[in-house]
C-alpha atoms as a PDB file:
ATOM      1  CA  MET A   1      -1.577 -22.426 -30.058  1.00  0.00           C
ATOM      2  CA  SER A   2       1.255 -19.479 -29.750  1.00  0.00           C
ATOM      3  CA  ASP A   3       1.881 -17.926 -33.460  1.00  0.00           C
ATOM      4  CA  ARG A   4       5.700 -19.622 -33.093  1.00  0.00           C
ATOM      5  CA  ASN A   5       4.335 -22.973 -31.767  1.00  0.00           C
ATOM      6  CA  THR A   6       2.185 -22.670 -35.741  1.00  0.00           C
ATOM      7  CA  LEU A   7       4.860 -22.310 -37.320  1.00  0.00           C
ATOM      8  CA  ILE A   8       7.220 -25.072 -35.825  1.00  0.00           C
ATOM      9  CA  ARG A   9       4.439 -27.658 -36.709  1.00  0.00           C
ATOM     10  CA  SER A  10       4.185 -26.301 -40.275  1.00  0.00           C
ATOM     11  CA  PHE A  11       7.770 -26.667 -40.354  1.00  0.00           C
ATOM     12  CA  VAL A  12       8.262 -29.985 -38.860  1.00  0.00           C
ATOM     13  CA  ASP A  13       4.951 -31.365 -40.923  1.00  0.00           C
ATOM     14  CA  SER A  14       6.904 -29.694 -44.132  1.00  0.00           C
ATOM     15  CA  THR A  15       9.536 -32.402 -43.292  1.00  0.00           C
ATOM     16  CA  ASP A  16       9.885 -36.270 -43.566  1.00  0.00           C
ATOM     17  CA  TRP A  17       9.144 -35.901 -39.997  1.00  0.00           C
ATOM     18  CA  ALA A  18       4.959 -34.605 -40.113  1.00  0.00           C
ATOM     19  CA  LYS A  19       2.924 -35.026 -37.534  1.00  0.00           C
ATOM     20  CA  ALA A  20       5.615 -36.235 -35.660  1.00  0.00           C
ATOM     21  CA  THR A  21       4.885 -35.521 -31.718  1.00  0.00           C
ATOM     22  CA  LEU A  22       7.040 -32.522 -30.208  1.00  0.00           C
ATOM     23  CA  ASP A  23       8.183 -32.407 -26.341  1.00  0.00           C
ATOM     24  CA  PRO A  24      10.285 -29.837 -24.423  1.00  0.00           C
ATOM     25  CA  LEU A  25      13.862 -30.471 -24.165  1.00  0.00           C
ATOM     26  CA  ALA A  26      16.121 -28.208 -21.333  1.00  0.00           C
ATOM     27  CA  GLY A  27      16.756 -24.551 -23.121  1.00  0.00           C
ATOM     28  CA  ASP A  28      20.085 -23.137 -22.211  1.00  0.00           C
ATOM     29  CA  ALA A  29      20.768 -19.253 -21.150  1.00  0.00           C
ATOM     30  CA  SER A  30      19.968 -17.568 -24.610  1.00  0.00           C
ATOM     31  CA  ASN A  31      16.471 -17.601 -26.414  1.00  0.00           C
ATOM     32  CA  ARG A  32      16.538 -20.965 -28.325  1.00  0.00           C
ATOM     33  CA  ARG A  33      14.372 -23.472 -27.058  1.00  0.00           C
ATOM     34  CA  TYR A  34      14.762 -27.385 -28.135  1.00  0.00           C
ATOM     35  CA  LEU A  35      12.185 -30.278 -28.228  1.00  0.00           C
ATOM     36  CA  ARG A  36      12.736 -33.882 -28.732  1.00  0.00           C
ATOM     37  CA  ILE A  37      10.287 -34.873 -31.919  1.00  0.00           C
ATOM     38  CA  THR A  38       9.335 -38.209 -32.273  1.00  0.00           C
ATOM     39  CA  HIS A  39       8.397 -39.922 -35.866  1.00  0.00           C
ATOM     40  CA  PRO A  40       5.103 -40.894 -35.771  1.00  0.00           C
ATOM     41  CA  VAL A  41       6.019 -44.173 -37.447  1.00  0.00           C
ATOM     42  CA  THR A  42       9.955 -45.412 -36.750  1.00  0.00           C
ATOM     43  CA  ASN A  43       9.930 -43.578 -33.932  1.00  0.00           C
ATOM     44  CA  GLY A  44      12.817 -42.241 -34.657  1.00  0.00           C
ATOM     45  CA  THR A  45      14.011 -39.066 -32.742  1.00  0.00           C
ATOM     46  CA  ALA A  46      16.011 -35.909 -33.726  1.00  0.00           C
ATOM     47  CA  VAL A  47      15.680 -32.217 -32.116  1.00  0.00           C
ATOM     48  CA  LEU A  48      14.137 -29.122 -32.921  1.00  0.00           C
ATOM     49  CA  MET A  49      16.315 -26.340 -32.716  1.00  0.00           C
ATOM     50  CA  ASP A  50      13.823 -23.160 -32.313  1.00  0.00           C
ATOM     51  CA  ALA A  51      16.105 -19.740 -32.522  1.00  0.00           C
ATOM     52  CA  PRO A  52      13.335 -16.994 -33.252  1.00  0.00           C
ATOM     53  CA  PRO A  53      15.409 -13.935 -35.629  1.00  0.00           C
ATOM     54  CA  ASP A  54      12.909 -11.546 -34.076  1.00  0.00           C
ATOM     55  CA  ARG A  55      14.732 -12.368 -30.567  1.00  0.00           C
ATOM     56  CA  GLY A  56      18.262 -11.571 -32.142  1.00  0.00           C
ATOM     57  CA  GLU A  57      19.096 -15.095 -32.832  1.00  0.00           C
ATOM     58  CA  ASP A  58      20.442 -16.816 -36.053  1.00  0.00           C
ATOM     59  CA  VAL A  59      20.599 -20.267 -37.543  1.00  0.00           C
ATOM     60  CA  ARG A  60      23.811 -19.749 -39.792  1.00  0.00           C
ATOM     61  CA  PRO A  61      26.349 -19.449 -37.847  1.00  0.00           C
ATOM     62  CA  PHE A  62      25.465 -22.633 -36.456  1.00  0.00           C
ATOM     63  CA  ILE A  63      24.943 -24.572 -39.750  1.00  0.00           C
ATOM     64  CA  ARG A  64      28.295 -23.021 -41.047  1.00  0.00           C
ATOM     65  CA  ILE A  65      30.280 -24.793 -37.644  1.00  0.00           C
ATOM     66  CA  THR A  66      28.149 -28.035 -37.990  1.00  0.00           C
ATOM     67  CA  GLU A  67      29.329 -28.440 -41.225  1.00  0.00           C
ATOM     68  CA  TYR A  68      32.784 -27.507 -40.534  1.00  0.00           C
ATOM     69  CA  LEU A  69      33.022 -29.656 -37.221  1.00  0.00           C
ATOM     70  CA  ILE A  70      31.248 -33.120 -39.027  1.00  0.00           C
ATOM     71  CA  GLY A  71      33.670 -32.140 -42.174  1.00  0.00           C
ATOM     72  CA  ILE A  72      36.989 -33.575 -40.098  1.00  0.00           C
ATOM     73  CA  GLY A  73      35.758 -35.697 -38.285  1.00  0.00           C
ATOM     74  CA  LEU A  74      34.287 -34.745 -35.119  1.00  0.00           C
ATOM     75  CA  SER A  75      30.620 -35.498 -33.635  1.00  0.00           C
ATOM     76  CA  ALA A  76      28.267 -32.518 -34.116  1.00  0.00           C
ATOM     77  CA  PRO A  77      24.815 -32.779 -34.861  1.00  0.00           C
ATOM     78  CA  ARG A  78      24.042 -33.451 -38.595  1.00  0.00           C
ATOM     79  CA  ILE A  79      21.249 -30.833 -39.849  1.00  0.00           C
ATOM     80  CA  LEU A  80      18.208 -33.022 -41.330  1.00  0.00           C
ATOM     81  CA  ALA A  81      16.117 -30.062 -42.285  1.00  0.00           C
ATOM     82  CA  GLN A  82      16.735 -26.279 -41.625  1.00  0.00           C
ATOM     83  CA  ASP A  83      14.680 -22.978 -42.346  1.00  0.00           C
ATOM     84  CA  THR A  84      17.057 -20.310 -42.064  1.00  0.00           C
ATOM     85  CA  GLN A  85      14.699 -17.451 -42.163  1.00  0.00           C
ATOM     86  CA  ALA A  86      11.990 -18.684 -39.185  1.00  0.00           C
ATOM     87  CA  GLY A  87      14.984 -19.866 -37.398  1.00  0.00           C
ATOM     88  CA  PHE A  88      14.294 -23.886 -37.556  1.00  0.00           C
ATOM     89  CA  LEU A  89      17.058 -26.369 -37.445  1.00  0.00           C
ATOM     90  CA  LEU A  90      15.883 -30.521 -37.651  1.00  0.00           C
ATOM     91  CA  LEU A  91      18.961 -31.928 -35.758  1.00  0.00           C
ATOM     92  CA  GLU A  92      20.207 -34.987 -35.204  1.00  0.00           C
ATOM     93  CA  ASP A  93      19.205 -36.421 -31.786  1.00  0.00           C
ATOM     94  CA  LEU A  94      22.639 -37.588 -29.764  1.00  0.00           C
ATOM     95  CA  GLY A  95      20.598 -38.639 -27.524  1.00  0.00           C
ATOM     96  CA  ASP A  96      20.480 -37.282 -23.233  1.00  0.00           C
ATOM     97  CA  ASP A  97      24.440 -38.761 -22.273  1.00  0.00           C
ATOM     98  CA  LEU A  98      25.457 -35.171 -21.198  1.00  0.00           C
ATOM     99  CA  PHE A  99      28.891 -35.392 -19.701  1.00  0.00           C
ATOM    100  CA  ALA A 100      27.221 -33.301 -16.661  1.00  0.00           C
ATOM    101  CA  ALA A 101      24.797 -36.164 -16.264  1.00  0.00           C
ATOM    102  CA  VAL A 102      26.773 -39.196 -16.731  1.00  0.00           C
ATOM    103  CA  ILE A 103      29.731 -38.542 -14.422  1.00  0.00           C
ATOM    104  CA  PRO A 104      27.342 -38.725 -11.379  1.00  0.00           C
ATOM    105  CA  GLN A 105      25.805 -42.002 -12.308  1.00  0.00           C
ATOM    106  CA  ARG A 106      28.468 -43.865 -13.442  1.00  0.00           C
ATOM    107  CA  PRO A 107      31.857 -41.919 -11.755  1.00  0.00           C
ATOM    108  CA  GLU A 108      34.328 -44.531 -12.744  1.00  0.00           C
ATOM    109  CA  LEU A 109      33.737 -42.628 -16.087  1.00  0.00           C
ATOM    110  CA  GLU A 110      35.108 -39.598 -15.238  1.00  0.00           C
ATOM    111  CA  ASN A 111      38.520 -40.872 -16.069  1.00  0.00           C
ATOM    112  CA  ARG A 112      37.908 -41.707 -19.916  1.00  0.00           C
ATOM    113  CA  LEU A 113      35.724 -38.931 -20.585  1.00  0.00           C
ATOM    114  CA  TYR A 114      37.736 -35.834 -20.020  1.00  0.00           C
ATOM    115  CA  PRO A 115      40.959 -37.545 -21.412  1.00  0.00           C
ATOM    116  CA  THR A 116      38.644 -37.802 -24.845  1.00  0.00           C
ATOM    117  CA  ALA A 117      37.672 -34.258 -24.632  1.00  0.00           C
ATOM    118  CA  THR A 118      41.086 -33.084 -24.458  1.00  0.00           C
ATOM    119  CA  ASP A 119      41.993 -34.964 -27.007  1.00  0.00           C
ATOM    120  CA  LEU A 120      39.422 -33.897 -29.219  1.00  0.00           C
ATOM    121  CA  LEU A 121      40.829 -30.594 -28.483  1.00  0.00           C
ATOM    122  CA  VAL A 122      44.262 -31.910 -29.653  1.00  0.00           C
ATOM    123  CA  ALA A 123      42.438 -33.041 -32.937  1.00  0.00           C
ATOM    124  CA  LEU A 124      40.870 -30.380 -33.564  1.00  0.00           C
ATOM    125  CA  HIS A 125      43.148 -27.741 -33.061  1.00  0.00           C
ATOM    126  CA  ALA A 126      44.913 -29.566 -35.398  1.00  0.00           C
ATOM    127  CA  GLU A 127      43.187 -28.320 -38.526  1.00  0.00           C
ATOM    128  CA  THR A 128      42.854 -25.522 -40.156  1.00  0.00           C
ATOM    129  CA  PRO A 129      40.115 -23.540 -38.740  1.00  0.00           C
ATOM    130  CA  PRO A 130      37.078 -21.905 -41.115  1.00  0.00           C
ATOM    131  CA  GLU A 131      37.698 -18.922 -42.646  1.00  0.00           C
ATOM    132  CA  ASN A 132      36.343 -15.479 -42.076  1.00  0.00           C
ATOM    133  CA  LEU A 133      35.599 -16.167 -38.232  1.00  0.00           C
ATOM    134  CA  GLN A 134      35.706 -13.431 -35.415  1.00  0.00           C
ATOM    135  CA  THR A 135      38.719 -13.159 -33.612  1.00  0.00           C
ATOM    136  CA  TYR A 136      38.348 -13.216 -29.362  1.00  0.00           C
ATOM    137  CA  ASP A 137      41.712 -11.311 -28.574  1.00  0.00           C
ATOM    138  CA  PRO A 138      42.909  -9.867 -26.239  1.00  0.00           C
ATOM    139  CA  PRO A 139      40.971  -6.124 -26.305  1.00  0.00           C
ATOM    140  CA  LEU A 140      37.569  -8.105 -26.839  1.00  0.00           C
ATOM    141  CA  MET A 141      38.690 -10.705 -24.167  1.00  0.00           C
ATOM    142  CA  ALA A 142      39.598  -7.427 -21.409  1.00  0.00           C
ATOM    143  CA  ASP A 143      36.189  -5.498 -22.492  1.00  0.00           C
ATOM    144  CA  LEU A 144      34.287  -9.006 -21.594  1.00  0.00           C
ATOM    145  CA  ALA A 145      36.335  -9.327 -18.638  1.00  0.00           C
ATOM    146  CA  ALA A 146      35.211  -6.142 -17.343  1.00  0.00           C
ATOM    147  CA  LEU A 147      31.682  -7.280 -17.042  1.00  0.00           C
ATOM    148  CA  ALA A 148      32.031  -7.928 -13.676  1.00  0.00           C
ATOM    149  CA  PHE A 149      32.843  -4.630 -13.297  1.00  0.00           C
ATOM    150  CA  ASP A 150      29.525  -3.983 -15.234  1.00  0.00           C
ATOM    151  CA  TRP A 151      27.042  -5.932 -13.628  1.00  0.00           C
ATOM    152  CA  TYR A 152      28.445  -8.240 -10.919  1.00  0.00           C
ATOM    153  CA  LEU A 153      30.218  -4.941  -8.739  1.00  0.00           C
ATOM    154  CA  PRO A 154      26.861  -2.457  -9.014  1.00  0.00           C
ATOM    155  CA  ALA A 155      24.905  -4.899  -7.771  1.00  0.00           C
ATOM    156  CA  THR A 156      26.887  -6.135  -4.649  1.00  0.00           C
ATOM    157  CA  ALA A 157      29.173  -2.591  -3.810  1.00  0.00           C
ATOM    158  CA  ALA A 158      29.215   1.083  -5.055  1.00  0.00           C
ATOM    159  CA  PRO A 159      30.916   0.960  -8.250  1.00  0.00           C
ATOM    160  CA  ASP A 160      34.320   2.512  -8.782  1.00  0.00           C
ATOM    161  CA  PRO A 161      34.549   3.814 -12.397  1.00  0.00           C
ATOM    162  CA  ASP A 162      38.627   3.996 -11.659  1.00  0.00           C
ATOM    163  CA  ALA A 163      39.067   0.399 -10.876  1.00  0.00           C
ATOM    164  CA  ARG A 164      37.353  -0.223 -13.933  1.00  0.00           C
ATOM    165  CA  SER A 165      39.683   1.330 -15.901  1.00  0.00           C
ATOM    166  CA  ARG A 166      42.729   0.741 -14.070  1.00  0.00           C
ATOM    167  CA  PHE A 167      41.347  -2.903 -14.249  1.00  0.00           C
ATOM    168  CA  HIS A 168      41.110  -3.083 -17.900  1.00  0.00           C
ATOM    169  CA  THR A 169      44.305  -1.638 -18.700  1.00  0.00           C
ATOM    170  CA  ALA A 170      45.713  -4.820 -16.400  1.00  0.00           C
ATOM    171  CA  MET A 171      43.776  -7.428 -18.091  1.00  0.00           C
ATOM    172  CA  LEU A 172      44.584  -6.344 -21.245  1.00  0.00           C
ATOM    173  CA  GLU A 173      48.256  -6.387 -20.922  1.00  0.00           C
ATOM    174  CA  ALA A 174      48.021 -10.310 -19.171  1.00  0.00           C
ATOM    175  CA  LEU A 175      46.335 -10.738 -21.831  1.00  0.00           C
ATOM    176  CA  GLN A 176      48.517  -9.408 -24.624  1.00  0.00           C
ATOM    177  CA  CYS A 177      51.504 -11.008 -22.819  1.00  0.00           C
ATOM    178  CA  HIS A 178      50.716 -14.122 -22.152  1.00  0.00           C
ATOM    179  CA  ALA A 179      47.076 -15.076 -24.545  1.00  0.00           C
ATOM    180  CA  ALA A 180      47.980 -12.922 -27.741  1.00  0.00           C
ATOM    181  CA  ASP A 181      47.782 -16.182 -29.783  1.00  0.00           C
ATOM    182  CA  CYS A 182      44.377 -16.725 -31.775  1.00  0.00           C
ATOM    183  CA  SER A 183      44.913 -19.431 -33.847  1.00  0.00           C
ATOM    184  CA  VAL A 184      42.393 -22.362 -33.452  1.00  0.00           C
ATOM    185  CA  LEU A 185      38.323 -22.425 -33.840  1.00  0.00           C
ATOM    186  CA  ILE A 186      37.428 -21.839 -30.144  1.00  0.00           C
ATOM    187  CA  GLN A 187      34.034 -23.079 -29.091  1.00  0.00           C
ATOM    188  CA  ARG A 188      33.552 -20.366 -25.826  1.00  0.00           C
ATOM    189  CA  ASP A 189      31.024 -22.997 -24.454  1.00  0.00           C
ATOM    190  CA  TYR A 190      32.695 -26.537 -24.379  1.00  0.00           C
ATOM    191  CA  HIS A 191      32.098 -28.369 -20.961  1.00  0.00           C
ATOM    192  CA  ALA A 192      30.430 -30.793 -19.489  1.00  0.00           C
ATOM    193  CA  GLN A 193      26.491 -29.596 -20.150  1.00  0.00           C
ATOM    194  CA  ASN A 194      27.116 -29.050 -23.908  1.00  0.00           C
ATOM    195  CA  LEU A 195      29.720 -32.595 -23.971  1.00  0.00           C
ATOM    196  CA  LEU A 196      27.594 -35.764 -24.863  1.00  0.00           C
ATOM    197  CA  TRP A 197      29.521 -39.051 -24.468  1.00  0.00           C
ATOM    198  CA  LEU A 198      28.535 -41.560 -27.095  1.00  0.00           C
ATOM    199  CA  PRO A 199      30.370 -44.423 -26.753  1.00  0.00           C
ATOM    200  CA  ASP A 200      29.303 -46.449 -29.841  1.00  0.00           C
ATOM    201  CA  ARG A 201      31.795 -44.224 -31.815  1.00  0.00           C
ATOM    202  CA  GLU A 202      36.015 -44.099 -32.191  1.00  0.00           C
ATOM    203  CA  GLY A 203      38.224 -41.926 -31.190  1.00  0.00           C
ATOM    204  CA  VAL A 204      37.593 -38.767 -30.134  1.00  0.00           C
ATOM    205  CA  ALA A 205      34.345 -38.864 -31.642  1.00  0.00           C
ATOM    206  CA  ARG A 206      32.970 -40.674 -29.132  1.00  0.00           C
ATOM    207  CA  VAL A 207      33.049 -36.767 -27.751  1.00  0.00           C
ATOM    208  CA  GLY A 208      29.335 -35.299 -29.184  1.00  0.00           C
ATOM    209  CA  LEU A 209      29.354 -31.511 -29.403  1.00  0.00           C
ATOM    210  CA  LEU A 210      26.417 -28.892 -28.791  1.00  0.00           C
ATOM    211  CA  ASP A 211      26.399 -25.279 -28.370  1.00  0.00           C
ATOM    212  CA  PHE A 212      28.997 -24.182 -30.754  1.00  0.00           C
ATOM    213  CA  GLN A 213      27.399 -21.294 -32.889  1.00  0.00           C
ATOM    214  CA  ASP A 214      29.462 -18.595 -31.195  1.00  0.00           C
ATOM    215  CA  ALA A 215      32.790 -20.071 -32.092  1.00  0.00           C
ATOM    216  CA  MET A 216      35.697 -17.806 -32.746  1.00  0.00           C
ATOM    217  CA  LEU A 217      39.218 -17.509 -33.519  1.00  0.00           C
ATOM    218  CA  GLY A 218      41.094 -17.734 -30.047  1.00  0.00           C
ATOM    219  CA  HIS A 219      43.805 -19.091 -28.111  1.00  0.00           C
ATOM    220  CA  PRO A 220      44.528 -23.187 -27.975  1.00  0.00           C
ATOM    221  CA  ALA A 221      43.941 -23.111 -23.780  1.00  0.00           C
ATOM    222  CA  TYR A 222      40.485 -21.538 -24.367  1.00  0.00           C
ATOM    223  CA  ASP A 223      38.278 -24.822 -24.404  1.00  0.00           C
ATOM    224  CA  LEU A 224      40.719 -26.052 -21.894  1.00  0.00           C
ATOM    225  CA  VAL A 225      39.915 -23.871 -19.615  1.00  0.00           C
ATOM    226  CA  SER A 226      36.168 -23.916 -20.450  1.00  0.00           C
ATOM    227  CA  LEU A 227      36.065 -27.501 -19.993  1.00  0.00           C
ATOM    228  CA  LEU A 228      38.376 -27.777 -17.024  1.00  0.00           C
ATOM    229  CA  GLN A 229      36.849 -24.700 -15.077  1.00  0.00           C
ATOM    230  CA  ASP A 230      33.428 -25.783 -15.373  1.00  0.00           C
ATOM    231  CA  ALA A 231      30.865 -23.326 -13.831  1.00  0.00           C
ATOM    232  CA  ARG A 232      28.629 -25.646 -13.697  1.00  0.00           C
ATOM    233  CA  ARG A 233      30.136 -28.816 -12.247  1.00  0.00           C
ATOM    234  CA  ASP A 234      33.503 -29.240  -9.901  1.00  0.00           C
ATOM    235  CA  VAL A 235      36.242 -30.907 -11.382  1.00  0.00           C
ATOM    236  CA  SER A 236      39.142 -32.153  -9.302  1.00  0.00           C
ATOM    237  CA  PRO A 237      42.209 -30.226  -9.483  1.00  0.00           C
ATOM    238  CA  GLU A 238      43.862 -33.606 -10.090  1.00  0.00           C
ATOM    239  CA  ILE A 239      42.252 -34.371 -13.327  1.00  0.00           C
ATOM    240  CA  GLU A 240      42.474 -30.493 -14.501  1.00  0.00           C
ATOM    241  CA  SER A 241      46.118 -30.844 -13.434  1.00  0.00           C
ATOM    242  CA  ALA A 242      46.460 -34.179 -15.499  1.00  0.00           C
ATOM    243  CA  MET A 243      44.192 -32.471 -18.734  1.00  0.00           C
ATOM    244  CA  ILE A 244      46.536 -29.314 -19.154  1.00  0.00           C
ATOM    245  CA  ASP A 245      49.858 -32.019 -18.456  1.00  0.00           C
ATOM    246  CA  ARG A 246      48.049 -34.460 -21.697  1.00  0.00           C
ATOM    247  CA  TYR A 247      47.393 -31.261 -23.522  1.00  0.00           C
ATOM    248  CA  ILE A 248      50.914 -29.888 -23.752  1.00  0.00           C
ATOM    249  CA  LYS A 249      52.284 -33.228 -24.276  1.00  0.00           C
ATOM    250  CA  ALA A 250      50.466 -33.720 -27.164  1.00  0.00           C
ATOM    251  CA  THR A 251      51.005 -30.085 -28.719  1.00  0.00           C
ATOM    252  CA  GLN A 252      54.352 -30.117 -27.813  1.00  0.00           C
ATOM    253  CA  SER A 253      53.971 -26.521 -26.043  1.00  0.00           C
ATOM    254  CA  GLN A 254      56.321 -24.930 -23.986  1.00  0.00           C
ATOM    255  CA  PRO A 255      54.393 -25.578 -20.484  1.00  0.00           C
ATOM    256  CA  GLU A 256      55.281 -22.380 -18.619  1.00  0.00           C
ATOM    257  CA  CYS A 257      53.822 -19.951 -21.229  1.00  0.00           C
ATOM    258  CA  PHE A 258      50.786 -22.491 -21.898  1.00  0.00           C
ATOM    259  CA  ARG A 259      50.010 -22.788 -18.461  1.00  0.00           C
ATOM    260  CA  ALA A 260      50.285 -18.606 -18.171  1.00  0.00           C
ATOM    261  CA  ALA A 261      48.162 -18.729 -20.834  1.00  0.00           C
ATOM    262  CA  TYR A 262      45.568 -20.914 -19.288  1.00  0.00           C
ATOM    263  CA  ALA A 263      45.906 -18.817 -16.097  1.00  0.00           C
ATOM    264  CA  VAL A 264      45.179 -15.381 -17.948  1.00  0.00           C
ATOM    265  CA  LEU A 265      42.558 -16.836 -20.086  1.00  0.00           C
ATOM    266  CA  GLY A 266      40.709 -18.750 -16.771  1.00  0.00           C
ATOM    267  CA  ALA A 267      40.436 -14.737 -14.998  1.00  0.00           C
ATOM    268  CA  GLN A 268      38.978 -13.655 -18.455  1.00  0.00           C
ATOM    269  CA  ARG A 269      36.599 -16.823 -18.699  1.00  0.00           C
ATOM    270  CA  ASN A 270      35.067 -16.612 -15.257  1.00  0.00           C
ATOM    271  CA  LEU A 271      35.143 -12.776 -14.639  1.00  0.00           C
ATOM    272  CA  ARG A 272      33.172 -12.559 -17.920  1.00  0.00           C
ATOM    273  CA  ILE A 273      30.933 -15.642 -16.050  1.00  0.00           C
ATOM    274  CA  LEU A 274      30.733 -13.445 -13.261  1.00  0.00           C
ATOM    275  CA  GLY A 275      29.032 -10.568 -14.813  1.00  0.00           C
ATOM    276  CA  VAL A 276      27.131 -12.496 -17.292  1.00  0.00           C
ATOM    277  CA  PHE A 277      25.311 -14.709 -14.596  1.00  0.00           C
ATOM    278  CA  THR A 278      24.534 -11.563 -12.308  1.00  0.00           C
ATOM    279  CA  ARG A 279      23.361  -9.988 -15.858  1.00  0.00           C
ATOM    280  CA  LEU A 280      20.745 -12.894 -16.300  1.00  0.00           C
ATOM    281  CA  CYS A 281      19.023 -12.369 -12.449  1.00  0.00           C
ATOM    282  CA  VAL A 282      19.514  -8.832 -12.380  1.00  0.00           C
ATOM    283  CA  ARG A 283      18.180  -8.351 -15.661  1.00  0.00           C
ATOM    284  CA  ASP A 284      16.049 -11.750 -16.829  1.00  0.00           C
ATOM    285  CA  GLY A 285      15.246 -12.868 -13.971  1.00  0.00           C
ATOM    286  CA  LYS A 286      16.891 -15.947 -14.155  1.00  0.00           C
ATOM    287  CA  ALA A 287      18.254 -15.840 -10.196  1.00  0.00           C
ATOM    288  CA  HIS A 288      19.347 -19.491 -10.551  1.00  0.00           C
ATOM    289  CA  TYR A 289      22.692 -18.407 -11.973  1.00  0.00           C
ATOM    290  CA  VAL A 290      23.770 -16.726  -8.937  1.00  0.00           C
ATOM    291  CA  ASP A 291      23.873 -20.093  -6.947  1.00  0.00           C
ATOM    292  CA  LEU A 292      26.649 -21.110  -9.247  1.00  0.00           C
ATOM    293  CA  ILE A 293      29.153 -17.834  -8.396  1.00  0.00           C
ATOM    294  CA  PRO A 294      30.577 -19.521  -5.302  1.00  0.00           C
ATOM    295  CA  ARG A 295      32.253 -21.817  -7.936  1.00  0.00           C
ATOM    296  CA  VAL A 296      33.351 -19.304 -10.278  1.00  0.00           C
ATOM    297  CA  TRP A 297      35.081 -16.594  -7.866  1.00  0.00           C
ATOM    298  CA  GLY A 298      36.874 -20.200  -5.938  1.00  0.00           C
ATOM    299  CA  LEU A 299      38.065 -20.630 -10.052  1.00  0.00           C
ATOM    300  CA  LEU A 300      38.819 -16.766 -10.085  1.00  0.00           C
ATOM    301  CA  GLN A 301      41.052 -16.988  -7.158  1.00  0.00           C
ATOM    302  CA  ARG A 302      42.951 -19.791  -8.121  1.00  0.00           C
ATOM    303  CA  ASP A 303      43.783 -18.467 -11.616  1.00  0.00           C
ATOM    304  CA  LEU A 304      44.369 -14.970  -9.587  1.00  0.00           C
ATOM    305  CA  ALA A 305      47.810 -17.086  -8.275  1.00  0.00           C
ATOM    306  CA  HIS A 306      49.622 -17.034 -11.320  1.00  0.00           C
ATOM    307  CA  PRO A 307      52.489 -14.911 -10.732  1.00  0.00           C
ATOM    308  CA  ALA A 308      50.909 -13.665 -14.602  1.00  0.00           C
ATOM    309  CA  LEU A 309      48.483 -11.908 -12.849  1.00  0.00           C
ATOM    310  CA  SER A 310      49.639 -10.072 -10.028  1.00  0.00           C
ATOM    311  CA  ASN A 311      48.869  -6.611 -11.329  1.00  0.00           C
ATOM    312  CA  VAL A 312      45.208  -7.197 -12.122  1.00  0.00           C
ATOM    313  CA  ALA A 313      44.744 -10.014  -8.841  1.00  0.00           C
ATOM    314  CA  ALA A 314      46.133  -6.463  -7.044  1.00  0.00           C
ATOM    315  CA  ILE A 315      43.476  -4.522  -8.078  1.00  0.00           C
ATOM    316  CA  LEU A 316      40.499  -7.143  -7.804  1.00  0.00           C
ATOM    317  CA  SER A 317      41.283  -7.818  -4.144  1.00  0.00           C
ATOM    318  CA  THR A 318      40.594  -4.297  -3.369  1.00  0.00           C
ATOM    319  CA  VAL A 319      37.571  -4.097  -5.070  1.00  0.00           C
ATOM    320  CA  LEU A 320      35.268  -6.778  -6.288  1.00  0.00           C
ATOM    321  CA  PRO A 321      33.335  -8.057  -2.840  1.00  0.00           C
ATOM    322  CA  GLN A 322      33.389 -11.800  -2.045  1.00  0.00           C
ATOM    323  CA  PRO A 323      30.156 -13.912  -2.776  1.00  0.00           C
ATOM    324  CA  ARG A 324      29.317 -14.548   0.719  1.00  0.00           C
ATOM    325  CA  PRO A 325      25.834 -16.124   1.208  1.00  0.00           C
ATOM    326  CA  THR A 326      24.386 -11.898   1.829  1.00  0.00           C
ATOM    327  CA  ILE A 327      26.233 -10.678  -0.976  1.00  0.00           C
ATOM    328  CA  LEU A 328      24.348 -13.298  -3.270  1.00  0.00           C
ATOM    329  CA  GLN A 329      20.977 -12.439  -1.373  1.00  0.00           C
ATOM    330  CA  LYS A 330      21.567  -9.049  -2.171  1.00  0.00           C
ATOM    331  CA  VAL A 331      21.803  -9.735  -5.701  1.00  0.00           C
ATOM    332  CA  LYS A 332      18.918 -12.036  -5.855  1.00  0.00           C
ATOM    333  CA  ALA A 333      16.688  -9.473  -4.488  1.00  0.00           C
ATOM    334  CA  GLN A 334      17.563  -7.496  -7.566  1.00  0.00           C
ATOM    335  CA  CYS A 335      16.273 -10.030 -10.146  1.00  0.00           C
ATOM    336  CA  ALA A 336      14.205  -8.664 -13.004  1.00  0.00           C
ATOM    337  CA  THR A 337      14.759  -5.326 -11.688  1.00  0.00           C
ATOM    338  CA  SER A 338      17.411  -3.798 -14.675  1.00  0.00           C
ATOM    339  CA  PRO A 339      15.488  -3.411 -17.904  1.00  0.00           C
ATOM    340  CA  LYS A 340      16.403  -4.755 -20.773  1.00  0.00           C
ATOM    341  CA  PRO A 341      18.171  -2.523 -23.572  1.00  0.00           C
END
């Protein structure tokens, strides 16, 4: 048994779940992993988050945001036990009914799940966010959008430092003009793979929340973009349009301004993801993320069609290559070839 597994066993046995069995659950793109534990007497289940501090993980932000979300009536998993120094959390098990799993099995639920998830954002954005959150502001967003130039472009074509600089300037201007409002808590990965359907609960509490530890202060449209421009599954243009309208009506937002912000934030997010997915392959050896790039590219093109992004679109159209099969194969051929810092 590895040292980490020994520590896990010791942590679990120090709680009310002593001698519980442990089974792996799906991980994510970070260094965290998850285990489902089963109580030896009651057969009840909980989830253990293993977030190794020596690999850059810190459970304290998760604890803080969890307590905030539960405090305003949302369904984040309750914390049953914790060891912040070792990087272990024992969490309420909210089940396996991820939106991404439920919708293929019961397609008729899609028209309930997305409105409820949109209404949750309306409710969340009506609350005062917790203090001392970092801000996801235009300069930071422009820097992160440039990951497409730092990873995707070098993996697919000759780098162009001048184009990166021109892009950064144009992206920053678009963000400052249309998406400078940083007034609400954004979870940043609010999408079907991190949302659970809890039909036995009421109202927006029917949406279970996962993977929100990187929450920041940001624009009200950001998590709506995450939900509706999902890198991992197709959301129909009809649902996307209806949910944007639903949010605008519920919050009495100015429609043209909100839609411009939505497009600009969508472009920012999709460019960042383009860079991150390439990095996950080239640096981290996770080649399967390359298969998601065509969807991200398609979403990006839809965003770039908005007039608010005309300058950005003009630059990108001459620099970033379309992810055709030969381009994607070229990226996969470089899997795990870039040394980690």
